PDB file of N, CA and C in Angstrom:
ATOM      1  N   MET A   1       0.770  -1.535  -0.171  1.00  0.00           N
ATOM      2  CA  MET A   1       0.050  -0.035   0.178  1.00  0.00           C
ATOM      3  C   MET A   1       0.672   1.225   0.574  1.00  0.00           C
ATOM      4  N   LYS A   2       0.667   2.309  -1.127  1.00  0.00           N
ATOM      5  CA  LYS A   2       1.010   3.216  -1.008  1.00  0.00           C
ATOM      6  C   LYS A   2       0.397   4.757   0.032  1.00  0.00           C
ATOM      7  N   TYR A   3       1.732   5.194   0.422  1.00  0.00           N
ATOM      8  CA  TYR A   3       0.940   5.847   2.184  1.00  0.00           C
ATOM      9  C   TYR A   3       0.910   7.509   1.514  1.00  0.00           C
ATOM     10  N   THR A   4       0.353   7.648   1.205  1.00  0.00           N
ATOM     11  CA  THR A   4       0.756   9.452   0.836  1.00  0.00           C
ATOM     12  C   THR A   4       0.643  10.789   2.598  1.00  0.00           C
ATOM     13  N   PRO A   5       1.709  11.332   2.420  1.00  0.00           N
ATOM     14  CA  PRO A   5       1.737  11.802   3.778  1.00  0.00           C
ATOM     15  C   PRO A   5       0.574  12.949   3.730  1.00  0.00           C
ATOM     16  N   LEU A   6       0.176  13.282   5.163  1.00  0.00           N
ATOM     17  CA  LEU A   6      -1.069  13.462   5.622  1.00  0.00           C
ATOM     18  C   LEU A   6      -1.182  15.158   4.940  1.00  0.00           C
ATOM     19  N   SER A   7      -1.332  16.229   4.999  1.00  0.00           N
ATOM     20  CA  SER A   7      -2.218  17.397   4.808  1.00  0.00           C
ATOM     21  C   SER A   7      -1.934  17.892   5.461  1.00  0.00           C
ATOM     22  N   PHE A   8      -2.478  18.146   6.593  1.00  0.00           N
ATOM     23  CA  PHE A   8      -3.136  18.784   7.938  1.00  0.00           C
ATOM     24  C   PHE A   8      -1.046  19.531   7.985  1.00  0.00           C
ATOM     25  N   ASP A   9      -0.662  20.790   8.471  1.00  0.00           N
ATOM     26  CA  ASP A   9      -0.263  21.305   8.338  1.00  0.00           C
ATOM     27  C   ASP A   9      -0.522  22.591   9.988  1.00  0.00           C
ATOM     28  N   VAL A  10       0.732  22.171  10.632  1.00  0.00           N
ATOM     29  CA  VAL A  10      -0.190  23.738  11.760  1.00  0.00           C
ATOM     30  C   VAL A  10       1.357  24.611  11.390  1.00  0.00           C
ATOM     31  N   ASN A  11       1.462  25.899  12.217  1.00  0.00           N
ATOM     32  CA  ASN A  11       2.413  26.635  11.842  1.00  0.00           C
ATOM     33  C   ASN A  11       2.920  27.282  12.756  1.00  0.00           C
ATOM     34  N   LEU A  12       4.160  26.668  13.666  1.00  0.00           N
ATOM     35  CA  LEU A  12       4.981  26.708  14.618  1.00  0.00           C
ATOM     36  C   LEU A  12       6.205  27.299  14.642  1.00  0.00           C
ATOM     37  N   ARG A  13       5.460  28.847  15.194  1.00  0.00           N
ATOM     38  CA  ARG A  13       7.190  29.473  14.809  1.00  0.00           C
ATOM     39  C   ARG A  13       7.464  29.967  16.086  1.00  0.00           C
ATOM     40  N   GLU A  14       6.065  29.304  17.137  1.00  0.00           N
ATOM     41  CA  GLU A  14       6.563  29.365  18.786  1.00  0.00           C
ATOM     42  C   GLU A  14       6.474  28.586  19.417  1.00  0.00           C
ATOM     43  N   GLY A  15       6.476  28.526  20.514  1.00  0.00           N
ATOM     44  CA  GLY A  15       6.218  27.287  21.544  1.00  0.00           C
ATOM     45  C   GLY A  15       4.436  27.096  22.389  1.00  0.00           C
ATOM     46  N   PHE A  16       4.452  26.102  22.447  1.00  0.00           N
ATOM     47  CA  PHE A  16       2.454  26.122  22.294  1.00  0.00           C
ATOM     48  C   PHE A  16       2.198  25.253  23.273  1.00  0.00           C
ATOM     49  N   VAL A  17       1.382  25.267  23.910  1.00  0.00           N
ATOM     50  CA  VAL A  17       1.071  23.735  24.808  1.00  0.00           C
ATOM     51  C   VAL A  17      -0.300  23.075  23.801  1.00  0.00           C
ATOM     52  N   CYS A  18      -0.240  22.169  24.108  1.00  0.00           N
ATOM     53  CA  CYS A  18      -1.698  21.376  23.407  1.00  0.00           C
ATOM     54  C   CYS A  18      -1.597  20.267  24.320  1.00  0.00           C
ATOM     55  N   ASP A  19      -2.979  20.400  24.990  1.00  0.00           N
ATOM     56  CA  ASP A  19      -3.948  19.187  26.162  1.00  0.00           C
ATOM     57  C   ASP A  19      -4.112  18.514  24.452  1.00  0.00           C
ATOM     58  N   LEU A  20      -3.336  17.073  25.318  1.00  0.00           N
ATOM     59  CA  LEU A  20      -3.660  15.290  24.544  1.00  0.00           C
ATOM     60  C   LEU A  20      -5.070  15.562  24.818  1.00  0.00           C
ATOM     61  N   ASN A  21      -5.583  15.631  26.235  1.00  0.00           N
ATOM     62  CA  ASN A  21      -7.026  14.887  26.287  1.00  0.00           C
ATOM     63  C   ASN A  21      -8.058  15.921  25.361  1.00  0.00           C
ATOM     64  N   SER A  22      -8.032  16.771  24.647  1.00  0.00           N
ATOM     65  CA  SER A  22      -8.429  17.393  23.840  1.00  0.00           C
ATOM     66  C   SER A  22      -8.322  16.636  23.171  1.00  0.00           C
ATOM     67  N   LEU A  23      -7.670  16.364  21.391  1.00  0.00           N
ATOM     68  CA  LEU A  23      -6.804  15.251  21.042  1.00  0.00           C
ATOM     69  C   LEU A  23      -7.362  15.167  21.026  1.00  0.00           C
ATOM     70  N   TYR A  24      -7.189  14.284  22.185  1.00  0.00           N
ATOM     71  CA  TYR A  24      -7.455  12.962  21.919  1.00  0.00           C
ATOM     72  C   TYR A  24      -9.419  12.918  21.786  1.00  0.00           C
ATOM     73  N   ALA A  25     -10.019  13.360  22.694  1.00  0.00           N
ATOM     74  CA  ALA A  25     -11.693  13.467  22.521  1.00  0.00           C
ATOM     75  C   ALA A  25     -11.635  13.931  20.841  1.00  0.00           C
ATOM     76  N   ALA A  26     -11.180  14.778  20.601  1.00  0.00           N
ATOM     77  CA  ALA A  26     -11.976  15.392  19.227  1.00  0.00           C
ATOM     78  C   ALA A  26     -11.088  13.791  17.912  1.00  0.00           C
ATOM     79  N   LEU A  27     -10.364  13.030  18.169  1.00  0.00           N
ATOM     80  CA  LEU A  27      -9.603  12.365  17.582  1.00  0.00           C
ATOM     81  C   LEU A  27     -10.667  10.814  17.766  1.00  0.00           C
ATOM     82  N   THR A  28     -11.491  10.933  19.272  1.00  0.00           N
ATOM     83  CA  THR A  28     -12.444   9.824  19.594  1.00  0.00           C
ATOM     84  C   THR A  28     -13.528   9.834  17.866  1.00  0.00           C
ATOM     85  N   ARG A  29     -14.070  10.913  18.255  1.00  0.00           N
ATOM     86  CA  ARG A  29     -15.086  11.589  17.102  1.00  0.00           C
ATOM     87  C   ARG A  29     -14.956  10.650  15.840  1.00  0.00           C
ATOM     88  N   LEU A  30     -14.129  10.144  15.076  1.00  0.00           N
ATOM     89  CA  LEU A  30     -13.723   9.111  13.858  1.00  0.00           C
ATOM     90  C   LEU A  30     -14.146   8.185  14.530  1.00  0.00           C
ATOM     91  N   LYS A  31     -14.935   7.254  12.838  1.00  0.00           N
ATOM     92  CA  LYS A  31     -15.232   5.796  12.806  1.00  0.00           C
ATOM     93  C   LYS A  31     -14.201   5.033  12.495  1.00  0.00           C
ATOM     94  N   ASP A  32     -13.364   3.673  13.694  1.00  0.00           N
ATOM     95  CA  ASP A  32     -13.009   2.797  12.688  1.00  0.00           C
ATOM     96  C   ASP A  32     -13.580   1.410  12.346  1.00  0.00           C
ATOM     97  N   ARG A  33     -12.711   1.396  11.168  1.00  0.00           N
ATOM     98  CA  ARG A  33     -13.406   0.448  10.283  1.00  0.00           C
ATOM     99  C   ARG A  33     -12.999  -1.027  10.148  1.00  0.00           C
ATOM    100  N   ARG A  34     -12.398  -0.833  11.315  1.00  0.00           N
ATOM    101  CA  ARG A  34     -11.375  -2.613  11.223  1.00  0.00           C
ATOM    102  C   ARG A  34     -11.781  -3.856  11.478  1.00  0.00           C
ATOM    103  N   ASP A  35     -12.851  -4.620  11.740  1.00  0.00           N
ATOM    104  CA  ASP A  35     -13.241  -5.599  12.003  1.00  0.00           C
ATOM    105  C   ASP A  35     -13.022  -5.698  13.515  1.00  0.00           C
ATOM    106  N   ALA A  36     -14.099  -5.281  15.239  1.00  0.00           N
ATOM    107  CA  ALA A  36     -13.587  -5.306  16.114  1.00  0.00           C
ATOM    108  C   ALA A  36     -11.983  -6.569  16.375  1.00  0.00           C
ATOM    109  N   ARG A  37     -12.733  -8.343  16.356  1.00  0.00           N
ATOM    110  CA  ARG A  37     -11.055  -8.926  16.679  1.00  0.00           C
ATOM    111  C   ARG A  37      -9.909  -8.541  15.595  1.00  0.00           C
ATOM    112  N   GLY A  38      -8.988  -8.420  16.738  1.00  0.00           N
ATOM    113  CA  GLY A  38      -7.579  -8.904  16.268  1.00  0.00           C
ATOM    114  C   GLY A  38      -7.061  -7.296  16.579  1.00  0.00           C
ATOM    115  N   ILE A  39      -7.843  -6.865  17.021  1.00  0.00           N
ATOM    116  CA  ILE A  39      -6.834  -5.165  17.061  1.00  0.00           C
ATOM    117  C   ILE A  39      -6.991  -5.106  18.605  1.00  0.00           C
ATOM    118  N   ARG A  40      -5.265  -4.424  18.323  1.00  0.00           N
ATOM    119  CA  ARG A  40      -3.848  -4.314  18.816  1.00  0.00           C
ATOM    120  C   ARG A  40      -4.460  -3.146  19.835  1.00  0.00           C
ATOM    121  N   TYR A  41      -4.440  -2.465  18.754  1.00  0.00           N
ATOM    122  CA  TYR A  41      -3.952  -0.863  19.574  1.00  0.00           C
ATOM    123  C   TYR A  41      -5.655   0.056  19.481  1.00  0.00           C
ATOM    124  N   HIS A  42      -5.687   0.479  19.468  1.00  0.00           N
ATOM    125  CA  HIS A  42      -6.703   1.760  19.707  1.00  0.00           C
ATOM    126  C   HIS A  42      -6.957   2.870  18.295  1.00  0.00           C
ATOM    127  N   LEU A  43      -7.920   3.163  18.094  1.00  0.00           N
ATOM    128  CA  LEU A  43      -7.919   3.730  16.465  1.00  0.00           C
ATOM    129  C   LEU A  43      -7.332   4.824  17.449  1.00  0.00           C
ATOM    130  N   VAL A  44      -7.593   6.185  17.851  1.00  0.00           N
ATOM    131  CA  VAL A  44      -7.261   7.349  18.500  1.00  0.00           C
ATOM    132  C   VAL A  44      -5.761   7.412  18.574  1.00  0.00           C
ATOM    133  N   THR A  45      -5.854   5.941  19.811  1.00  0.00           N
ATOM    134  CA  THR A  45      -4.428   5.566  19.700  1.00  0.00           C
ATOM    135  C   THR A  45      -3.412   6.410  19.677  1.00  0.00           C
ATOM    136  N   VAL A  46      -3.006   5.184  17.764  1.00  0.00           N
ATOM    137  CA  VAL A  46      -2.435   5.520  16.600  1.00  0.00           C
ATOM    138  C   VAL A  46      -2.393   7.149  16.040  1.00  0.00           C
ATOM    139  N   LEU A  47      -3.380   7.543  16.583  1.00  0.00           N
ATOM    140  CA  LEU A  47      -4.090   9.079  15.607  1.00  0.00           C
ATOM    141  C   LEU A  47      -3.104   9.593  15.795  1.00  0.00           C
ATOM    142  N   VAL A  48      -3.318   9.479  17.925  1.00  0.00           N
ATOM    143  CA  VAL A  48      -2.501  10.683  18.445  1.00  0.00           C
ATOM    144  C   VAL A  48      -1.444  10.566  17.793  1.00  0.00           C
ATOM    145  N   PHE A  49      -0.466   9.532  18.314  1.00  0.00           N
ATOM    146  CA  PHE A  49       1.283   9.380  17.564  1.00  0.00           C
ATOM    147  C   PHE A  49       1.349  10.271  16.823  1.00  0.00           C
ATOM    148  N   ILE A  50      -0.332   9.637  15.753  1.00  0.00           N
ATOM    149  CA  ILE A  50       1.409  10.751  14.246  1.00  0.00           C
ATOM    150  C   ILE A  50       0.498  11.215  14.634  1.00  0.00           C
ATOM    151  N   VAL A  51      -0.387  12.727  14.926  1.00  0.00           N
ATOM    152  CA  VAL A  51      -0.412  14.034  14.968  1.00  0.00           C
ATOM    153  C   VAL A  51       0.776  14.446  15.539  1.00  0.00           C
ATOM    154  N   LEU A  52       1.067  14.097  17.115  1.00  0.00           N
ATOM    155  CA  LEU A  52       2.522  14.029  18.140  1.00  0.00           C
ATOM    156  C   LEU A  52       3.907  13.491  16.979  1.00  0.00           C
ATOM    157  N   ALA A  53       3.952  12.757  15.824  1.00  0.00           N
ATOM    158  CA  ALA A  53       5.282  12.397  15.454  1.00  0.00           C
ATOM    159  C   ALA A  53       4.632  13.298  14.231  1.00  0.00           C
ATOM    160  N   LYS A  54       3.873  13.517  13.732  1.00  0.00           N
ATOM    161  CA  LYS A  54       4.371  15.020  12.374  1.00  0.00           C
ATOM    162  C   LYS A  54       3.944  16.524  13.165  1.00  0.00           C
ATOM    163  N   LEU A  55       3.538  16.463  13.514  1.00  0.00           N
ATOM    164  CA  LEU A  55       3.956  17.909  15.437  1.00  0.00           C
ATOM    165  C   LEU A  55       6.132  18.464  14.497  1.00  0.00           C
ATOM    166  N   CYS A  56       6.267  16.413  15.459  1.00  0.00           N
ATOM    167  CA  CYS A  56       7.865  17.164  15.512  1.00  0.00           C
ATOM    168  C   CYS A  56       8.404  16.745  14.165  1.00  0.00           C
ATOM    169  N   GLY A  57       8.346  16.597  12.947  1.00  0.00           N
ATOM    170  CA  GLY A  57       8.252  16.834  11.725  1.00  0.00           C
ATOM    171  C   GLY A  57       8.772  15.242  11.833  1.00  0.00           C
ATOM    172  N   GLU A  58       8.064  14.389  11.238  1.00  0.00           N
ATOM    173  CA  GLU A  58       7.544  13.077  10.947  1.00  0.00           C
ATOM    174  C   GLU A  58       7.001  13.214  10.004  1.00  0.00           C
ATOM    175  N   ASP A  59       7.491  12.979   8.705  1.00  0.00           N
ATOM    176  CA  ASP A  59       6.790  12.804   7.588  1.00  0.00           C
ATOM    177  C   ASP A  59       5.706  10.580   6.764  1.00  0.00           C
ATOM    178  N   HIS A  60       7.025  10.365   6.921  1.00  0.00           N
ATOM    179  CA  HIS A  60       6.486   9.109   5.887  1.00  0.00           C
ATOM    180  C   HIS A  60       6.271   7.994   8.009  1.00  0.00           C
ATOM    181  N   LEU A  61       6.533   6.938   7.422  1.00  0.00           N
ATOM    182  CA  LEU A  61       5.596   6.170   8.010  1.00  0.00           C
ATOM    183  C   LEU A  61       6.506   5.406   9.369  1.00  0.00           C
ATOM    184  N   ARG A  62       7.739   5.127   8.919  1.00  0.00           N
ATOM    185  CA  ARG A  62       8.510   4.882   9.800  1.00  0.00           C
ATOM    186  C   ARG A  62       9.247   5.338  10.154  1.00  0.00           C
ATOM    187  N   GLY A  63       9.138   7.454   9.602  1.00  0.00           N
ATOM    188  CA  GLY A  63      10.055   7.952  10.432  1.00  0.00           C
ATOM    189  C   GLY A  63       9.062   7.897  11.425  1.00  0.00           C
ATOM    190  N   ILE A  64       7.412   7.850  11.663  1.00  0.00           N
ATOM    191  CA  ILE A  64       6.226   8.307  12.291  1.00  0.00           C
ATOM    192  C   ILE A  64       7.125   6.551  13.372  1.00  0.00           C
ATOM    193  N   ALA A  65       7.009   5.756  13.130  1.00  0.00           N
ATOM    194  CA  ALA A  65       7.132   4.394  13.707  1.00  0.00           C
ATOM    195  C   ALA A  65       7.838   4.859  14.862  1.00  0.00           C
ATOM    196  N   GLN A  66       9.221   4.971  14.201  1.00  0.00           N
ATOM    197  CA  GLN A  66      10.553   5.036  14.479  1.00  0.00           C
ATOM    198  C   GLN A  66      10.262   5.842  15.672  1.00  0.00           C
ATOM    199  N   TRP A  67       9.771   7.052  16.129  1.00  0.00           N
ATOM    200  CA  TRP A  67       9.297   8.314  16.637  1.00  0.00           C
ATOM    201  C   TRP A  67       8.376   7.530  17.722  1.00  0.00           C
ATOM    202  N   VAL A  68       7.814   7.376  17.655  1.00  0.00           N
ATOM    203  CA  VAL A  68       6.218   6.907  18.969  1.00  0.00           C
ATOM    204  C   VAL A  68       7.207   5.567  19.077  1.00  0.00           C
ATOM    205  N   SER A  69       8.222   4.469  18.456  1.00  0.00           N
ATOM    206  CA  SER A  69       8.959   3.568  19.342  1.00  0.00           C
ATOM    207  C   SER A  69      10.103   4.014  20.800  1.00  0.00           C
ATOM    208  N   LEU A  70      11.084   5.553  20.934  1.00  0.00           N
ATOM    209  CA  LEU A  70      11.957   6.108  21.040  1.00  0.00           C
ATOM    210  C   LEU A  70      11.577   6.570  22.249  1.00  0.00           C
ATOM    211  N   ARG A  71      10.502   6.892  22.378  1.00  0.00           N
ATOM    212  CA  ARG A  71       9.251   7.629  23.706  1.00  0.00           C
ATOM    213  C   ARG A  71       8.428   6.846  23.706  1.00  0.00           C
ATOM    214  N   LYS A  72       8.105   5.320  23.644  1.00  0.00           N
ATOM    215  CA  LYS A  72       6.317   4.744  24.032  1.00  0.00           C
ATOM    216  C   LYS A  72       6.386   4.607  25.678  1.00  0.00           C
ATOM    217  N   GLU A  73       7.322   4.446  26.345  1.00  0.00           N
ATOM    218  CA  GLU A  73       7.131   4.699  28.170  1.00  0.00           C
ATOM    219  C   GLU A  73       7.287   6.161  28.610  1.00  0.00           C
ATOM    220  N   MET A  74       7.033   7.067  27.260  1.00  0.00           N
ATOM    221  CA  MET A  74       6.278   8.125  27.916  1.00  0.00           C
ATOM    222  C   MET A  74       4.572   9.134  27.761  1.00  0.00           C
ATOM    223  N   LEU A  75       4.989   8.223  26.633  1.00  0.00           N
ATOM    224  CA  LEU A  75       3.541   8.394  25.284  1.00  0.00           C
ATOM    225  C   LEU A  75       2.618   7.258  26.087  1.00  0.00           C
ATOM    226  N   ALA A  76       2.820   6.573  26.621  1.00  0.00           N
ATOM    227  CA  ALA A  76       2.201   5.480  27.430  1.00  0.00           C
ATOM    228  C   ALA A  76       1.500   5.693  28.805  1.00  0.00           C
ATOM    229  N   GLU A  77       2.858   6.509  29.537  1.00  0.00           N
ATOM    230  CA  GLU A  77       2.560   6.804  30.649  1.00  0.00           C
ATOM    231  C   GLU A  77       1.321   8.949  30.321  1.00  0.00           C
ATOM    232  N   VAL A  78       1.483   9.625  29.963  1.00  0.00           N
ATOM    233  CA  VAL A  78       1.026  10.600  29.003  1.00  0.00           C
ATOM    234  C   VAL A  78      -0.652   9.878  28.572  1.00  0.00           C
ATOM    235  N   LEU A  79      -0.576   9.360  28.067  1.00  0.00           N
ATOM    236  CA  LEU A  79      -1.378   8.479  27.922  1.00  0.00           C
ATOM    237  C   LEU A  79      -2.248   7.692  28.088  1.00  0.00           C
ATOM    238  N   LYS A  80      -1.912   7.345  29.131  1.00  0.00           N
ATOM    239  CA  LYS A  80      -2.881   6.142  30.559  1.00  0.00           C
ATOM    240  C   LYS A  80      -3.019   4.801  29.663  1.00  0.00           C
ATOM    241  N   LEU A  81      -1.920   4.447  28.917  1.00  0.00           N
ATOM    242  CA  LEU A  81      -1.863   3.505  28.016  1.00  0.00           C
ATOM    243  C   LEU A  81      -2.147   2.867  29.258  1.00  0.00           C
ATOM    244  N   ALA A  82      -2.148   1.087  29.844  1.00  0.00           N
ATOM    245  CA  ALA A  82      -2.380   0.020  29.600  1.00  0.00           C
ATOM    246  C   ALA A  82      -0.661  -0.497  30.237  1.00  0.00           C
ATOM    247  N   LYS A  83       0.624  -0.537  28.719  1.00  0.00           N
ATOM    248  CA  LYS A  83       1.233  -1.502  28.583  1.00  0.00           C
ATOM    249  C   LYS A  83       2.297  -0.189  27.161  1.00  0.00           C
ATOM    250  N   PRO A  84       3.788  -0.035  27.625  1.00  0.00           N
ATOM    251  CA  PRO A  84       4.235   0.738  26.563  1.00  0.00           C
ATOM    252  C   PRO A  84       4.664   0.001  25.952  1.00  0.00           C
ATOM    253  N   ARG A  85       3.608   0.326  24.389  1.00  0.00           N
ATOM    254  CA  ARG A  85       3.923   0.146  23.429  1.00  0.00           C
ATOM    255  C   ARG A  85       3.851   0.334  21.966  1.00  0.00           C
ATOM    256  N   ALA A  86       4.399   0.301  20.570  1.00  0.00           N
ATOM    257  CA  ALA A  86       4.390   0.370  19.169  1.00  0.00           C
ATOM    258  C   ALA A  86       4.136   0.913  18.492  1.00  0.00           C
ATOM    259  N   PRO A  87       4.107   1.413  17.568  1.00  0.00           N
ATOM    260  CA  PRO A  87       3.111  -0.101  16.538  1.00  0.00           C
ATOM    261  C   PRO A  87       3.624   0.280  15.478  1.00  0.00           C
ATOM    262  N   HIS A  88       4.133  -1.396  14.915  1.00  0.00           N
ATOM    263  CA  HIS A  88       5.015  -1.077  13.162  1.00  0.00           C
ATOM    264  C   HIS A  88       4.483  -0.774  12.206  1.00  0.00           C
ATOM    265  N   ALA A  89       5.307  -0.234  11.255  1.00  0.00           N
ATOM    266  CA  ALA A  89       4.434   0.915  10.585  1.00  0.00           C
ATOM    267  C   ALA A  89       4.249   0.568   9.414  1.00  0.00           C
ATOM    268  N   THR A  90       4.154  -0.468   9.782  1.00  0.00           N
ATOM    269  CA  THR A  90       3.064  -1.342   8.436  1.00  0.00           C
ATOM    270  C   THR A  90       1.409  -1.179   9.189  1.00  0.00           C
ATOM    271  N   THR A  91       1.396  -1.267  10.904  1.00  0.00           N
ATOM    272  CA  THR A  91      -0.098  -0.541  11.518  1.00  0.00           C
ATOM    273  C   THR A  91      -0.161   0.379  11.055  1.00  0.00           C
ATOM    274  N   TYR A  92       0.201   2.129  10.973  1.00  0.00           N
ATOM    275  CA  TYR A  92       0.557   2.865  10.545  1.00  0.00           C
ATOM    276  C   TYR A  92      -0.198   3.133   8.757  1.00  0.00           C
ATOM    277  N   SER A  93       0.397   2.342   8.623  1.00  0.00           N
ATOM    278  CA  SER A  93      -0.143   2.254   6.631  1.00  0.00           C
ATOM    279  C   SER A  93      -1.702   1.847   6.788  1.00  0.00           C
ATOM    280  N   ARG A  94      -1.511   0.185   7.606  1.00  0.00           N
ATOM    281  CA  ARG A  94      -3.425  -0.173   7.097  1.00  0.00           C
ATOM    282  C   ARG A  94      -4.293   0.828   8.225  1.00  0.00           C
ATOM    283  N   ILE A  95      -3.482   1.319   8.875  1.00  0.00           N
ATOM    284  CA  ILE A  95      -4.543   2.304  10.121  1.00  0.00           C
ATOM    285  C   ILE A  95      -5.678   3.753   8.577  1.00  0.00           C
ATOM    286  N   LEU A  96      -4.101   3.976   8.207  1.00  0.00           N
ATOM    287  CA  LEU A  96      -3.813   5.482   7.098  1.00  0.00           C
ATOM    288  C   LEU A  96      -4.206   4.778   5.699  1.00  0.00           C
ATOM    289  N   ASN A  97      -4.585   3.508   5.954  1.00  0.00           N
ATOM    290  CA  ASN A  97      -5.750   3.094   4.283  1.00  0.00           C
ATOM    291  C   ASN A  97      -6.780   2.637   5.101  1.00  0.00           C
ATOM    292  N   GLU A  98      -7.217   2.048   5.812  1.00  0.00           N
ATOM    293  CA  GLU A  98      -7.636   1.317   5.538  1.00  0.00           C
ATOM    294  C   GLU A  98      -9.131   1.588   7.269  1.00  0.00           C
ATOM    295  N   ALA A  99      -8.907   1.347   7.994  1.00  0.00           N
ATOM    296  CA  ALA A  99      -9.530   1.483   9.846  1.00  0.00           C
ATOM    297  C   ALA A  99     -10.358   3.006   9.910  1.00  0.00           C
ATOM    298  N   ALA A 100      -9.390   4.469   8.873  1.00  0.00           N
ATOM    299  CA  ALA A 100      -9.428   5.764   9.231  1.00  0.00           C
ATOM    300  C   ALA A 100      -9.600   6.309   7.647  1.00  0.00           C
ATOM    301  N   ASP A 101     -11.022   7.616   7.800  1.00  0.00           N
ATOM    302  CA  ASP A 101     -11.654   8.778   6.769  1.00  0.00           C
ATOM    303  C   ASP A 101     -10.694   9.674   6.940  1.00  0.00           C
ATOM    304  N   ILE A 102      -9.261   9.326   5.713  1.00  0.00           N
ATOM    305  CA  ILE A 102      -8.424  10.860   6.356  1.00  0.00           C
ATOM    306  C   ILE A 102      -8.701  11.502   5.993  1.00  0.00           C
ATOM    307  N   GLY A 103     -10.081  11.254   4.995  1.00  0.00           N
ATOM    308  CA  GLY A 103      -9.782  13.520   5.063  1.00  0.00           C
ATOM    309  C   GLY A 103     -10.957  13.838   6.337  1.00  0.00           C
ATOM    310  N   GLN A 104     -11.615  13.010   6.904  1.00  0.00           N
ATOM    311  CA  GLN A 104     -12.300  13.309   8.206  1.00  0.00           C
ATOM    312  C   GLN A 104     -11.352  13.796   9.504  1.00  0.00           C
ATOM    313  N   PHE A 105     -10.373  12.600   9.710  1.00  0.00           N
ATOM    314  CA  PHE A 105      -8.828  12.481   9.649  1.00  0.00           C
ATOM    315  C   PHE A 105      -8.210  14.178   9.984  1.00  0.00           C
ATOM    316  N   GLU A 106      -8.171  14.835   8.499  1.00  0.00           N
ATOM    317  CA  GLU A 106      -7.505  15.920   9.314  1.00  0.00           C
ATOM    318  C   GLU A 106      -7.909  17.460   9.137  1.00  0.00           C
ATOM    319  N   GLN A 107      -9.549  16.611   8.257  1.00  0.00           N
ATOM    320  CA  GLN A 107     -10.768  17.361   8.917  1.00  0.00           C
ATOM    321  C   GLN A 107     -11.468  18.090  11.216  1.00  0.00           C
ATOM    322  N   VAL A 108     -11.102  16.762  11.446  1.00  0.00           N
ATOM    323  CA  VAL A 108     -10.267  16.898  12.683  1.00  0.00           C
ATOM    324  C   VAL A 108      -9.357  17.316  13.273  1.00  0.00           C
ATOM    325  N   VAL A 109      -8.028  17.582  12.631  1.00  0.00           N
ATOM    326  CA  VAL A 109      -6.923  17.698  13.613  1.00  0.00           C
ATOM    327  C   VAL A 109      -6.608  19.401  12.611  1.00  0.00           C
ATOM    328  N   ALA A 110      -7.523  19.781  12.383  1.00  0.00           N
ATOM    329  CA  ALA A 110      -7.098  21.154  11.358  1.00  0.00           C
ATOM    330  C   ALA A 110      -7.976  21.611  12.541  1.00  0.00           C
ATOM    331  N   ARG A 111      -9.515  21.685  12.321  1.00  0.00           N
ATOM    332  CA  ARG A 111     -10.580  22.232  13.668  1.00  0.00           C
ATOM    333  C   ARG A 111      -9.466  22.227  14.839  1.00  0.00           C
ATOM    334  N   PHE A 112      -9.114  21.550  15.311  1.00  0.00           N
ATOM    335  CA  PHE A 112      -8.382  21.550  16.361  1.00  0.00           C
ATOM    336  C   PHE A 112      -7.680  22.269  16.665  1.00  0.00           C
ATOM    337  N   PHE A 113      -6.852  22.095  15.206  1.00  0.00           N
ATOM    338  CA  PHE A 113      -6.151  23.316  16.232  1.00  0.00           C
ATOM    339  C   PHE A 113      -6.114  25.021  15.929  1.00  0.00           C
ATOM    340  N   LYS A 114      -7.033  24.963  15.185  1.00  0.00           N
ATOM    341  CA  LYS A 114      -7.106  26.457  14.743  1.00  0.00           C
ATOM    342  C   LYS A 114      -8.754  26.696  16.081  1.00  0.00           C
ATOM    343  N   GLY A 115      -8.372  25.583  16.901  1.00  0.00           N
ATOM    344  CA  GLY A 115      -8.966  26.876  18.252  1.00  0.00           C
ATOM    345  C   GLY A 115      -8.242  26.584  18.950  1.00  0.00           C
TER     346      GLY A 115
END
């Protein structure tokens, strides 16, 4: 599957504070189109990982996966996840190509950062 970088951009000329609980809540509006059997990662968790990695300059799936992997303990603590785990790049590909509506994802993220 081919990955197309997400089109949402956030202009960060100065530091900013992002409420992860609000971002998480905004992303829960998206419908997970996967079959419930065999799901290891909640859709919203993976999408939060993607947004955070993208904010840090990662535009490619391997970069996103590596960025999350290097921070999985911290992310698990901040997001109150049961285990510090990091999805493989192929999981991000499947999420973006099959599980989430990319257009809606981009709209939710854009709306979140405009607010």
